[in-house]
């Protein structure tokens, strides 16, 4: 017996059997009952939610000779039988992904002229209609707007934004929704019962989450799981078969982070990576877990979680233990990790550091006194213990001024940090002729001069003096060469292209500002925002000297000002620039049309 996959075997044949699209199917049934049918429909939505299926059911119901009172096809008339046996001459399906040329559309238009032999309408179902070329869309427009009375078009697409507005305006648009986890699980239960397969509800929920709103994907995963589990689908087998990270790992990481157990998180991370899971998947999954915890803080938002009732209660219980600030900070850290992951040279280290930072969010600052009856477990504390456990040579230390200092060498030498609120006056103690103390002496490493970024040489030299950069001068003070507007713009662009790498952002913005000769040799540059104007004012002298040298005119003057309201022009996109050129030059439009070109 031929095996048929569940997505085809259990494909809905009536409106009532369609899952998760009740509002759309009700509208279509009412249209069939009332006989008020539009000439063109557009079904759009994500993959695997029933667009093509509803198009076929609708096409069969339109041509049914004895529709039911609910608007369903009777499945007993000649039209319904021919459709079910795939020999109908009134319903045509076209895959626009492989038939997207003008010739294919012209062939289709010729078929619309022939009236139906059986039934009232000829129905044309065009799947993946967004794949049609622009020329094919234009050839389709006239017929779509005024088709013959016996023709109905049903278009289906997953990318509505790629369809021309002129097409959209001629269709009734139906937006299909993603399948919810609850609807998917309910349908999978029915399929499992018909197939005689036992299951765990948690396993079906995992399949529904993995399908990400697509019923066809859910049924494909279900078939794979049924084959692997040999008739008994369990949660553990699904995790093994789909190579999915168990959600319990996320619960453990959050529990460890709240308890500041860095070492336990590192061991759990190592076991996860050893199973072949990618660090990026772990961070993304943990981010989704923390998002669910935020939604679970309030019982009112629990329905926003796409999971079972039991799992929702688990989220709610852990959310009550998590401070809201902790969840926000954890999301921020994981977002930064996700952004930097692809560019990171050591991806595992990046993930480890992120998890360590998450585990430190609720950690109190290190103190000598244990916090809440326990010793601090921050990574910094571990480093302190390692340093103290190793024999060290005592170094000259900087002590706080309040400590006893019987023979100070330097009595007043402030070490100023960048943050004024953290400034401390510190003194050097000890004998200036004996830099090193006895080998057995020990000191707290956090008071070492090296740890605060200073050495004795830095103290002797004193603060660094700011370097002075001399302003450039015009090479030939007597040069008075004439220059035109074109030469000015050329040298301006050349100057922008030669600007150093650290000024590449400013250079790109300067290219949009066009200098103009007002009263020769006076030059004016207008900027459209005050921030750029303030930045450019700082290098105005250098820009004037550069232009004067390039144009060989020492009398050249330069003036910057802010644009007035009527002077600010919209910056055109590439498509808008192309449309403007095409409008002004018909030859370019003819060339584009002949070669069937499109702007990428």
Protein backbone atom coordinates (compact mmCIF):
# COMPACT_ATOMS: atom_id res chain seq x y z
CA UNK A 1 0.00 0.00 0.00
CA UNK A 2 1.36 3.40 -0.97
CA UNK A 3 2.41 5.54 1.98
CA UNK A 4 1.06 9.11 2.03
CA UNK A 5 2.49 11.71 4.38
CA UNK A 6 0.13 13.15 6.98
CA UNK A 7 0.22 16.64 5.46
CA UNK A 8 -1.42 15.22 2.30
CA UNK A 9 -3.42 12.39 3.83
CA UNK A 10 -5.21 14.65 6.32
CA UNK A 11 -5.48 17.71 4.12
CA UNK A 12 -8.85 19.42 4.81
CA UNK A 13 -11.54 18.82 2.20
CA UNK A 14 -14.22 21.12 3.67
CA UNK A 15 -14.28 24.56 5.25
CA UNK A 16 -15.21 23.10 8.65
CA UNK A 17 -12.12 20.87 8.70
CA UNK A 18 -9.71 23.81 8.18
CA UNK A 19 -7.79 24.46 11.41
CA UNK A 20 -7.26 27.90 12.91
CA UNK A 21 -8.90 30.04 10.20
CA UNK A 22 -12.52 30.14 11.35
CA UNK A 23 -13.18 33.80 10.51
CA UNK A 24 -11.89 33.43 6.93
CA UNK A 25 -13.73 30.19 6.23
CA UNK A 26 -16.97 31.68 7.58
CA UNK A 27 -16.62 34.63 5.22
CA UNK A 28 -15.98 32.37 2.24
CA UNK A 29 -18.95 30.11 3.10
CA UNK A 30 -21.24 33.14 3.37
CA UNK A 31 -20.04 34.32 -0.04
CA UNK A 32 -20.94 30.93 -1.54
CA UNK A 33 -24.37 30.91 0.14
CA UNK A 34 -25.25 34.43 -0.98
CA UNK A 35 -23.74 34.06 -4.43
CA UNK A 36 -21.90 37.37 -4.00
CA UNK A 37 -18.56 36.36 -5.43
CA UNK A 38 -15.72 38.72 -6.30
CA UNK A 39 -13.76 38.23 -9.49
CA UNK A 40 -10.36 38.10 -7.71
CA UNK A 41 -9.19 36.94 -4.27
CA UNK A 42 -5.75 37.17 -2.65
CA UNK A 43 -4.87 34.68 0.11
CA UNK A 44 -1.71 35.73 1.95
CA UNK A 45 0.04 34.52 5.09
CA UNK A 46 2.98 32.41 6.34
CA UNK A 47 3.75 28.97 4.96
CA UNK A 48 1.68 25.93 5.83
CA UNK A 49 -1.41 27.69 7.23
CA UNK A 50 -3.94 26.58 4.57
CA UNK A 51 -3.87 29.17 1.78
CA UNK A 52 -3.80 26.74 -1.15
CA UNK A 53 -6.10 24.30 0.69
CA UNK A 54 -8.75 26.99 1.23
CA UNK A 55 -8.37 28.08 -2.40
CA UNK A 56 -9.17 24.52 -3.59
CA UNK A 57 -12.11 24.11 -1.20
CA UNK A 58 -13.47 27.51 -2.25
CA UNK A 59 -13.06 26.70 -5.96
CA UNK A 60 -14.92 23.39 -5.50
CA UNK A 61 -17.74 25.08 -3.55
CA UNK A 62 -18.14 27.78 -6.22
CA UNK A 63 -18.76 25.19 -8.93
CA UNK A 64 -20.81 22.81 -6.79
CA UNK A 65 -24.24 22.21 -8.36
CA UNK A 66 -25.94 21.48 -5.02
CA UNK A 67 -24.13 23.39 -2.23
CA UNK A 68 -25.30 22.80 1.34
CA UNK A 69 -27.07 25.40 3.44
CA UNK A 70 -23.77 26.14 5.19
CA UNK A 71 -22.01 26.95 1.92
CA UNK A 72 -20.08 23.66 1.71
CA UNK A 73 -19.66 21.58 -1.44
CA UNK A 74 -21.95 18.53 -1.66
CA UNK A 75 -19.18 16.15 -2.86
CA UNK A 76 -21.78 14.18 -4.83
CA UNK A 77 -22.43 16.23 -7.98
CA UNK A 78 -20.44 15.76 -11.19
CA UNK A 79 -18.40 18.94 -10.60
CA UNK A 80 -17.36 17.86 -7.08
CA UNK A 81 -16.55 14.33 -8.21
CA UNK A 82 -14.39 15.54 -11.09
CA UNK A 83 -12.52 17.85 -8.73
CA UNK A 84 -11.96 15.11 -6.12
CA UNK A 85 -10.69 12.79 -8.86
CA UNK A 86 -8.39 15.55 -10.20
CA UNK A 87 -10.00 15.63 -13.66
CA UNK A 88 -11.91 18.91 -13.43
CA UNK A 89 -11.79 21.09 -16.53
CA UNK A 90 -13.02 24.19 -14.72
CA UNK A 91 -10.37 24.56 -12.00
CA UNK A 92 -6.80 25.31 -13.04
CA UNK A 93 -3.72 25.61 -10.82
CA UNK A 94 -0.65 27.55 -11.91
CA UNK A 95 2.66 27.64 -10.05
CA UNK A 96 3.94 31.17 -10.58
CA UNK A 97 7.39 30.20 -9.28
CA UNK A 98 8.07 28.20 -12.47
CA UNK A 99 5.64 29.96 -14.82
CA UNK A 100 6.47 33.61 -14.23
CA UNK A 101 7.05 34.97 -17.73
CA UNK A 102 4.84 37.12 -19.94
CA UNK A 103 4.25 34.18 -22.30
CA UNK A 104 2.83 32.05 -19.47
CA UNK A 105 0.40 34.80 -18.47
CA UNK A 106 -0.66 35.33 -22.10
CA UNK A 107 -1.42 31.60 -22.41
CA UNK A 108 -3.47 31.81 -19.24
CA UNK A 109 -5.39 34.83 -20.57
CA UNK A 110 -6.29 32.88 -23.72
CA UNK A 111 -7.80 30.11 -21.60
CA UNK A 112 -10.07 32.61 -19.82
CA UNK A 113 -11.95 33.27 -23.08
CA UNK A 114 -13.35 29.71 -23.19
CA UNK A 115 -16.51 29.32 -21.05
CA UNK A 116 -16.81 26.35 -18.64
CA UNK A 117 -18.26 23.10 -19.97
CA UNK A 118 -19.63 21.92 -16.60
CA UNK A 119 -20.47 24.31 -13.78
CA UNK A 120 -20.78 28.07 -13.69
CA UNK A 121 -17.21 29.35 -13.31
CA UNK A 122 -13.69 28.79 -14.46
CA UNK A 123 -11.45 29.21 -11.42
CA UNK A 124 -7.72 29.95 -11.81
CA UNK A 125 -5.59 29.34 -8.70
CA UNK A 126 -2.18 31.02 -9.02
CA UNK A 127 0.16 29.92 -6.22
CA UNK A 128 3.25 31.94 -5.14
CA UNK A 129 1.98 34.83 -7.24
CA UNK A 130 4.69 37.17 -5.92
CA UNK A 131 7.18 35.29 -8.13
CA UNK A 132 5.69 36.77 -11.33
CA UNK A 133 7.94 39.25 -13.08
CA UNK A 134 6.96 42.89 -13.33
CA UNK A 135 6.21 42.50 -17.03
CA UNK A 136 3.98 39.48 -16.28
CA UNK A 137 2.13 41.46 -13.61
CA UNK A 138 1.53 44.28 -16.09
CA UNK A 139 0.23 41.82 -18.69
CA UNK A 140 -2.09 40.38 -16.05
CA UNK A 141 -3.52 43.73 -14.90
CA UNK A 142 -6.21 44.34 -17.53
CA UNK A 143 -7.67 40.86 -17.40
CA UNK A 144 -7.60 40.88 -13.59
CA UNK A 145 -9.52 44.15 -13.48
CA UNK A 146 -12.23 43.18 -15.99
CA UNK A 147 -12.25 39.40 -16.45
CA UNK A 148 -15.04 37.57 -18.27
CA UNK A 149 -18.14 36.94 -16.17
CA UNK A 150 -17.38 33.21 -15.90
CA UNK A 151 -13.80 33.66 -14.56
CA UNK A 152 -12.63 33.92 -10.93
CA UNK A 153 -8.98 34.31 -9.91
CA UNK A 154 -7.64 33.07 -6.55
CA UNK A 155 -4.08 34.22 -5.87
CA UNK A 156 -1.94 32.85 -3.03
CA UNK A 157 1.33 34.23 -1.68
CA UNK A 158 3.62 34.18 1.34
CA UNK A 159 5.12 37.60 0.57
CA UNK A 160 2.35 40.14 0.13
CA UNK A 161 4.76 43.09 0.15
CA UNK A 162 6.28 41.96 -3.16
CA UNK A 163 3.00 42.27 -5.07
CA UNK A 164 2.33 45.46 -7.02
CA UNK A 165 -0.17 47.86 -5.41
CA UNK A 166 -2.13 47.85 -8.68
CA UNK A 167 -2.70 44.10 -8.22
CA UNK A 168 -3.64 44.44 -4.54
CA UNK A 169 -6.24 47.09 -5.30
CA UNK A 170 -8.08 44.71 -7.67
CA UNK A 171 -8.41 41.82 -5.18
CA UNK A 172 -10.28 40.94 -2.02
CA UNK A 173 -7.45 40.31 0.46
CA UNK A 174 -7.61 37.57 3.10
CA UNK A 175 -4.80 37.47 5.65
CA UNK A 176 -4.27 34.00 7.11
CA UNK A 177 -3.07 33.70 10.70
CA UNK A 178 -0.23 31.61 12.11
CA UNK A 179 -1.34 28.44 13.87
CA UNK A 180 -1.39 28.66 17.64
CA UNK A 181 0.25 25.94 19.70
CA UNK A 182 -3.14 24.94 21.12
CA UNK A 183 -4.76 24.51 17.67
CA UNK A 184 -1.77 22.57 16.37
CA UNK A 185 -1.72 20.22 19.35
CA UNK A 186 -5.47 19.57 19.01
CA UNK A 187 -5.07 18.63 15.34
CA UNK A 188 -2.02 16.44 16.05
CA UNK A 189 -4.01 14.55 18.68
CA UNK A 190 -6.71 13.75 16.09
CA UNK A 191 -4.09 12.56 13.61
CA UNK A 192 -2.36 10.42 16.26
CA UNK A 193 -5.64 8.78 17.26
CA UNK A 194 -6.49 7.97 13.63
CA UNK A 195 -3.01 6.52 13.10
CA UNK A 196 -3.13 4.52 16.36
CA UNK A 197 -0.09 6.31 17.82
CA UNK A 198 0.27 6.89 21.56
CA UNK A 199 1.74 10.21 22.67
CA UNK A 200 2.68 12.47 25.54
CA UNK A 201 0.99 15.86 25.39
CA UNK A 202 4.26 17.61 26.24
CA UNK A 203 5.84 15.95 23.19
CA UNK A 204 3.10 17.25 20.89
CA UNK A 205 3.54 20.73 22.38
CA UNK A 206 7.23 20.61 21.55
CA UNK A 207 6.40 19.61 17.96
CA UNK A 208 3.94 22.52 17.72
CA UNK A 209 6.53 24.99 19.03
CA UNK A 210 9.13 23.66 16.59
CA UNK A 211 6.67 24.11 13.68
CA UNK A 212 6.53 27.86 14.42
CA UNK A 213 2.91 28.39 13.36
CA UNK A 214 2.84 26.14 10.29
CA UNK A 215 0.50 23.14 10.29
CA UNK A 216 2.26 21.50 7.36
CA UNK A 217 5.59 21.74 9.21
CA UNK A 218 3.95 20.29 12.33
CA UNK A 219 2.61 17.29 10.43
CA UNK A 220 5.98 16.70 8.75
CA UNK A 221 7.74 16.75 12.15
CA UNK A 222 5.00 14.46 13.52
CA UNK A 223 5.67 11.89 10.77
CA UNK A 224 9.40 12.04 11.49
CA UNK A 225 8.83 11.61 15.22
CA UNK A 226 6.38 8.73 14.70
CA UNK A 227 8.94 6.93 12.56
CA UNK A 228 11.69 7.43 15.17
CA UNK A 229 9.52 6.53 18.18
CA UNK A 230 7.88 3.49 16.54
CA UNK A 231 4.31 4.31 17.50
CA UNK A 232 4.88 5.84 20.95
CA UNK A 233 5.84 9.54 20.92
CA UNK A 234 7.48 10.66 24.17
CA UNK A 235 9.05 13.96 25.19
CA UNK A 236 12.53 12.52 25.70
CA UNK A 237 12.51 10.78 22.32
CA UNK A 238 11.36 13.97 20.60
CA UNK A 239 14.25 15.90 22.17
CA UNK A 240 16.66 13.22 20.99
CA UNK A 241 15.19 12.97 17.49
CA UNK A 242 14.87 16.70 16.78
CA UNK A 243 18.08 17.60 18.64
CA UNK A 244 16.19 20.20 20.66
CA UNK A 245 17.58 21.67 23.86
CA UNK A 246 15.38 20.71 26.80
CA UNK A 247 13.65 23.76 28.28
CA UNK A 248 14.60 22.49 31.75
CA UNK A 249 18.15 23.63 31.02
CA UNK A 250 16.92 27.22 30.81
CA UNK A 251 15.10 26.88 34.13
CA UNK A 252 18.31 25.58 35.71
CA UNK A 253 20.45 28.41 34.31
CA UNK A 254 18.09 31.04 35.74
CA UNK A 255 18.00 29.27 39.14
CA UNK A 256 21.80 29.11 39.21
CA UNK A 257 22.05 32.78 38.17
CA UNK A 258 19.73 33.87 40.97
CA UNK A 259 21.91 31.93 43.43
CA UNK A 260 25.12 33.36 41.85
CA UNK A 261 26.37 29.83 41.17
CA UNK A 262 28.84 30.63 38.39
CA UNK A 263 30.62 27.27 38.54
CA UNK A 264 27.35 25.31 38.16
CA UNK A 265 26.39 27.40 35.12
CA UNK A 266 29.79 26.74 33.52
CA UNK A 267 29.42 22.98 34.06
CA UNK A 268 25.90 23.02 32.60
CA UNK A 269 27.09 25.07 29.61
CA UNK A 270 29.90 22.60 28.98
CA UNK A 271 27.48 19.65 28.98
CA UNK A 272 25.15 21.50 26.57
CA UNK A 273 27.96 22.32 24.12
CA UNK A 274 29.28 18.75 24.39
CA UNK A 275 25.94 17.51 23.02
CA UNK A 276 26.52 19.51 19.83
CA UNK A 277 24.33 22.52 20.54
CA UNK A 278 25.50 25.89 19.25
CA UNK A 279 26.16 28.75 21.67
CA UNK A 280 23.99 31.11 19.60
CA UNK A 281 21.02 28.72 19.88
CA UNK A 282 21.51 28.57 23.63
CA UNK A 283 21.54 32.37 23.96
CA UNK A 284 18.48 32.75 21.71
CA UNK A 285 16.59 30.06 23.58
CA UNK A 286 17.51 31.59 26.94
CA UNK A 287 16.40 35.01 25.68
CA UNK A 288 13.00 33.56 24.76
CA UNK A 289 12.84 31.88 28.17
CA UNK A 290 13.51 35.18 29.97
CA UNK A 291 10.87 36.86 27.79
CA UNK A 292 8.39 34.21 28.87
CA UNK A 293 9.33 34.87 32.49
CA UNK A 294 8.56 38.56 31.99
CA UNK A 295 5.18 37.66 30.55
CA UNK A 296 4.61 35.33 33.52
CA UNK A 297 5.22 37.98 36.17
CA UNK A 298 1.54 38.88 35.98
CA UNK A 299 -1.16 36.22 35.69
CA UNK A 300 -3.02 38.47 33.23
CA UNK A 301 -0.28 38.05 30.58
CA UNK A 302 0.04 34.26 30.99
CA UNK A 303 -2.17 33.64 27.90
CA UNK A 304 0.58 35.32 25.80
CA UNK A 305 2.75 32.24 26.33
CA UNK A 306 2.43 29.67 23.56
CA UNK A 307 2.73 26.63 25.80
CA UNK A 308 0.65 24.20 27.84
CA UNK A 309 -1.12 25.11 31.07
CA UNK A 310 1.37 23.06 33.08
CA UNK A 311 4.35 24.76 31.47
CA UNK A 312 2.77 28.18 31.99
CA UNK A 313 2.46 27.49 35.71
CA UNK A 314 6.13 26.48 35.79
CA UNK A 315 7.06 29.79 34.19
CA UNK A 316 4.84 31.67 36.63
CA UNK A 317 6.45 29.97 39.64
CA UNK A 318 10.00 30.85 38.55
CA UNK A 319 9.00 34.38 37.53
CA UNK A 320 7.93 35.14 41.09
CA UNK A 321 11.51 34.46 42.24
CA UNK A 322 13.08 36.72 39.58
CA UNK A 323 13.35 40.49 40.20
CA UNK A 324 12.12 42.47 37.21
CA UNK A 325 15.42 44.36 37.04
CA UNK A 326 17.28 41.04 36.80
CA UNK A 327 15.16 39.98 33.80
CA UNK A 328 15.68 43.29 32.00
CA UNK A 329 19.46 43.23 32.57
CA UNK A 330 19.68 39.59 31.45
CA UNK A 331 17.82 40.37 28.22
CA UNK A 332 20.13 43.30 27.54
CA UNK A 333 23.26 41.18 28.05
CA UNK A 334 21.96 38.37 25.83
CA UNK A 335 20.99 40.83 23.11
CA UNK A 336 24.54 42.22 23.11
CA UNK A 337 25.90 38.66 22.93
CA UNK A 338 23.63 37.85 19.98
CA UNK A 339 24.76 40.97 18.11
CA UNK A 340 28.48 40.27 18.71
CA UNK A 341 28.34 36.49 18.21
CA UNK A 342 29.07 36.36 14.48
CA UNK A 343 32.01 38.77 14.74
CA UNK A 344 33.51 37.07 17.80
CA UNK A 345 36.75 35.16 17.33
CA UNK A 346 36.15 33.04 20.45
CA UNK A 347 32.42 32.35 20.50
CA UNK A 348 32.45 30.04 23.49
CA UNK A 349 34.26 32.62 25.61
CA UNK A 350 31.68 35.25 24.62
CA UNK A 351 28.82 32.98 25.75
CA UNK A 352 30.63 32.13 28.99
CA UNK A 353 31.25 35.78 29.83
CA UNK A 354 27.60 36.61 29.10
CA UNK A 355 26.36 33.89 31.45
CA UNK A 356 28.84 34.99 34.13
CA UNK A 357 27.56 38.56 33.88
CA UNK A 358 23.98 37.32 34.17
CA UNK A 359 24.93 35.36 37.29
CA UNK A 360 26.42 38.52 38.81
CA UNK A 361 23.37 40.77 38.34
CA UNK A 362 21.89 39.97 41.74
CA UNK A 363 25.28 39.55 43.47
CA UNK A 364 26.03 42.12 46.17
CA UNK A 365 29.35 43.94 46.03
CA UNK A 366 32.29 42.01 47.50
CA UNK A 367 32.72 42.69 51.21
CA UNK A 368 34.92 41.18 53.86
CA UNK A 369 31.74 40.25 55.74
CA UNK A 370 29.69 37.45 54.15
CA UNK A 371 26.37 38.57 52.63
CA UNK A 372 23.17 36.94 53.97
CA UNK A 373 25.16 34.27 55.82
CA UNK A 374 27.11 33.06 52.79
CA UNK A 375 30.42 33.86 51.17
CA UNK A 376 30.40 35.88 47.93
CA UNK A 377 30.68 33.69 44.82
CA UNK A 378 31.54 36.25 42.19
CA UNK A 379 34.33 35.49 39.79
CA UNK A 380 36.34 38.43 41.21
CA UNK A 381 36.31 36.71 44.61
CA UNK A 382 37.76 33.58 43.06
CA UNK A 383 40.59 35.59 41.55
CA UNK A 384 41.33 37.19 44.93
CA UNK A 385 41.58 33.77 46.56
CA UNK A 386 43.94 32.51 43.88
CA UNK A 387 46.19 35.58 44.20
CA UNK A 388 46.33 35.36 47.97
CA UNK A 389 47.09 31.65 47.93
CA UNK A 390 50.25 32.15 45.83
CA UNK A 391 53.57 33.46 47.32
CA UNK A 392 54.20 36.96 46.06
CA UNK A 393 56.93 39.51 46.28
CA UNK A 394 55.70 42.48 48.25
CA UNK A 395 55.44 45.66 46.22
CA UNK A 396 55.23 49.29 47.17
CA UNK A 397 51.55 50.05 47.77
CA UNK A 398 49.41 53.14 47.77
CA UNK A 399 47.38 53.44 50.97
CA UNK A 400 44.37 55.59 51.65
CA UNK A 401 45.32 58.82 53.38
CA UNK A 402 43.38 57.93 56.55
CA UNK A 403 45.75 54.99 57.28
CA UNK A 404 48.70 55.63 59.66
CA UNK A 405 51.76 57.01 57.89
CA UNK A 406 54.61 57.85 60.27
CA UNK A 407 57.19 58.76 57.60
CA UNK A 408 55.50 59.80 54.39
CA UNK A 409 57.77 60.51 51.46
CA UNK A 410 55.07 62.20 49.42
CA UNK A 411 52.50 63.88 51.62
CA UNK A 412 50.17 65.26 48.96
CA UNK A 413 49.97 63.67 45.51
CA UNK A 414 46.34 63.19 44.38
CA UNK A 415 45.64 60.45 41.84
CA UNK A 416 42.56 61.69 40.00
CA UNK A 417 40.32 59.20 38.22
CA UNK A 418 38.07 60.01 35.32
CA UNK A 419 34.96 59.98 37.52
CA UNK A 420 35.10 62.94 39.95
CA UNK A 421 32.82 61.13 42.41
CA UNK A 422 35.48 58.44 42.81
CA UNK A 423 38.48 60.74 43.42
CA UNK A 424 40.61 59.74 46.39
CA UNK A 425 43.74 61.35 47.85
CA UNK A 426 46.32 58.65 48.40
CA UNK A 427 49.86 58.80 49.81
CA UNK A 428 52.95 56.69 49.37
CA UNK A 429 54.37 55.21 52.57
CA UNK A 430 57.62 53.51 53.34
CA UNK A 431 61.31 54.24 52.85
CA UNK A 432 62.03 55.88 49.52
CA UNK A 433 65.47 54.26 49.32
CA UNK A 434 64.09 50.77 49.76
CA UNK A 435 61.40 50.21 47.14
CA UNK A 436 60.84 46.55 47.94
CA UNK A 437 59.89 45.40 51.42
CA UNK A 438 60.64 42.02 53.01
CA UNK A 439 59.67 39.00 50.92
CA UNK A 440 57.37 37.66 53.63
CA UNK A 441 55.27 40.82 53.81
CA UNK A 442 51.87 40.64 52.13
CA UNK A 443 49.42 43.23 50.88
CA UNK A 444 45.89 43.26 49.55
CA UNK A 445 46.31 43.14 45.72
CA UNK A 446 43.52 45.65 45.20
CA UNK A 447 45.84 48.44 46.53
CA UNK A 448 48.69 47.79 44.09
CA UNK A 449 49.74 50.73 41.97
CA UNK A 450 49.59 48.55 38.87
CA UNK A 451 45.95 47.77 39.55
CA UNK A 452 44.95 51.45 39.45
CA UNK A 453 46.90 52.22 36.29
CA UNK A 454 49.88 54.20 37.74
CA UNK A 455 53.59 53.56 38.22
CA UNK A 456 56.31 55.52 40.02
CA UNK A 457 57.57 56.81 36.66
CA UNK A 458 54.11 58.24 35.94
CA UNK A 459 54.13 60.02 39.30
CA UNK A 460 57.60 61.51 38.69
CA UNK A 461 56.67 62.74 35.19
CA UNK A 462 53.47 64.41 36.35
CA UNK A 463 50.40 64.97 34.18
CA UNK A 464 50.81 64.84 30.42
CA UNK A 465 50.64 68.12 28.55
CA UNK A 466 48.19 68.38 25.70
CA UNK A 467 49.78 68.26 22.26
CA UNK A 468 49.37 71.30 20.08
CA UNK A 469 48.61 70.87 16.40
CA UNK A 470 49.52 73.79 14.18
CA UNK A 471 46.85 74.89 11.73
CA UNK A 472 47.86 74.31 8.06
CA UNK A 473 48.58 77.28 5.81
CA UNK A 474 47.99 77.98 2.13
CA UNK A 475 51.11 77.04 0.16
CA UNK A 476 50.99 79.96 -2.28
CA UNK A 477 49.60 83.10 -0.62
CA UNK A 478 49.63 84.98 -3.96
CA UNK A 479 47.70 82.39 -6.01
CA UNK A 480 44.57 83.86 -7.64
CA UNK A 481 43.55 81.26 -10.22
CA UNK A 482 39.96 81.34 -11.45
CA UNK A 483 37.82 78.30 -10.71
CA UNK A 484 34.32 77.22 -11.78
CA UNK A 485 31.45 75.59 -9.90
CA UNK A 486 32.28 72.24 -11.51
CA UNK A 487 35.91 72.44 -10.40
CA UNK A 488 34.79 73.38 -6.88
CA UNK A 489 32.46 70.38 -6.62
CA UNK A 490 35.16 68.08 -8.02
CA UNK A 491 37.74 69.21 -5.45
CA UNK A 492 35.12 69.01 -2.66
CA UNK A 493 34.40 65.35 -3.46
CA UNK A 494 38.11 64.64 -3.81
CA UNK A 495 38.69 66.14 -0.35
CA UNK A 496 35.92 63.97 1.16
CA UNK A 497 37.43 60.84 -0.40
CA UNK A 498 40.88 61.64 1.07
CA UNK A 499 39.66 62.22 4.63
CA UNK A 500 41.21 59.84 7.24
CA UNK A 501 39.55 56.60 8.29
CA UNK A 502 38.40 57.95 11.67
CA UNK A 503 36.41 60.65 9.86
CA UNK A 504 34.72 58.35 7.33
CA UNK A 505 31.27 59.08 8.81
CA UNK A 506 31.67 62.82 8.50
CA UNK A 507 33.09 62.42 4.99
CA UNK A 508 29.99 60.54 3.81
CA UNK A 509 27.73 63.27 5.20
CA UNK A 510 29.85 66.04 3.66
CA UNK A 511 29.35 64.44 0.23
CA UNK A 512 25.64 65.24 0.51
CA UNK A 513 26.39 68.95 1.08
CA UNK A 514 27.15 70.76 -2.21
CA UNK A 515 29.34 73.89 -1.95
CA UNK A 516 28.25 76.86 -4.07
CA UNK A 517 30.01 80.02 -5.24
CA UNK A 518 28.05 83.02 -3.94
CA UNK A 519 30.20 86.11 -4.64
CA UNK A 520 33.45 84.95 -6.20
CA UNK A 521 35.65 83.74 -4.54
CA UNK A 522 33.30 83.36 -1.56
CA UNK A 523 31.95 79.82 -1.08
CA UNK A 524 28.88 78.85 0.94
CA UNK A 525 27.95 75.39 2.21
CA UNK A 526 24.47 74.72 3.60
CA UNK A 527 23.89 71.88 6.10
CA UNK A 528 20.50 70.41 6.90
CA UNK A 529 21.10 69.73 10.62
CA UNK A 530 22.76 71.62 13.44
CA UNK A 531 24.76 68.66 14.76
CA UNK A 532 26.72 68.26 11.51
CA UNK A 533 27.19 72.03 11.31
CA UNK A 534 28.78 72.13 14.77
CA UNK A 535 31.09 69.25 13.91
CA UNK A 536 32.25 70.79 10.64
CA UNK A 537 32.83 74.22 12.22
CA UNK A 538 35.69 72.68 14.22
CA UNK A 539 37.63 71.83 11.03
CA UNK A 540 36.48 74.78 8.94
CA UNK A 541 40.00 76.23 8.71
CA UNK A 542 41.50 73.00 7.45
CA UNK A 543 38.75 72.60 4.83
CA UNK A 544 39.35 76.17 3.54
CA UNK A 545 43.11 75.59 3.25
CA UNK A 546 42.56 72.27 1.46
CA UNK A 547 40.25 73.87 -1.12
CA UNK A 548 42.53 76.90 -1.51
CA UNK A 549 45.53 74.68 -2.27
CA UNK A 550 43.55 72.43 -4.62
CA UNK A 551 41.98 75.35 -6.54
CA UNK A 552 45.15 77.53 -6.39
CA UNK A 553 43.31 80.55 -4.98
CA UNK A 554 44.50 81.96 -1.62
CA UNK A 555 41.67 84.54 -1.50
CA UNK A 556 39.04 81.83 -1.26
CA UNK A 557 36.65 82.24 1.71
CA UNK A 558 34.35 79.67 3.23
CA UNK A 559 31.03 80.16 5.01
CA UNK A 560 28.87 77.49 6.71
CA UNK A 561 25.20 77.96 7.65
CA UNK A 562 22.11 75.97 8.60
CA UNK A 563 19.50 75.32 5.91
CA UNK A 564 16.15 77.07 6.09
CA UNK A 565 12.89 75.11 6.02
CA UNK A 566 12.29 75.49 2.29
CA UNK A 567 15.92 74.54 1.47
CA UNK A 568 15.75 71.09 3.08
CA UNK A 569 15.27 68.51 0.35
CA UNK A 570 14.23 64.89 0.75
CA UNK A 571 17.06 62.39 0.26
CA UNK A 572 15.90 60.06 -2.50
CA UNK A 573 16.31 56.29 -2.33
CA UNK A 574 17.86 54.35 -5.22
CA UNK A 575 14.42 53.36 -6.49
CA UNK A 576 13.17 56.97 -6.35
CA UNK A 577 16.27 58.20 -8.21
CA UNK A 578 15.70 55.54 -10.86
CA UNK A 579 12.02 56.47 -11.22
CA UNK A 580 12.98 60.13 -11.65
CA UNK A 581 15.59 59.29 -14.33
CA UNK A 582 13.13 56.99 -16.10
CA UNK A 583 10.46 59.71 -16.17
CA UNK A 584 12.85 62.33 -17.54
CA UNK A 585 14.40 60.03 -20.14
CA UNK A 586 11.93 57.81 -22.08
CA UNK A 587 14.82 56.03 -23.83
CA UNK A 588 15.93 54.46 -20.55
CA UNK A 589 12.38 53.22 -19.93
CA UNK A 590 12.24 51.66 -23.43
CA UNK A 591 15.60 49.93 -22.80
CA UNK A 592 14.39 48.64 -19.43
CA UNK A 593 11.17 47.32 -20.96
CA UNK A 594 12.91 45.60 -23.90
CA UNK A 595 15.43 43.83 -21.64
CA UNK A 596 12.77 43.11 -18.96
CA UNK A 597 15.02 44.64 -16.27
CA UNK A 598 14.09 45.31 -12.67
CA UNK A 599 15.82 47.39 -10.02
CA UNK A 600 17.28 45.01 -7.43
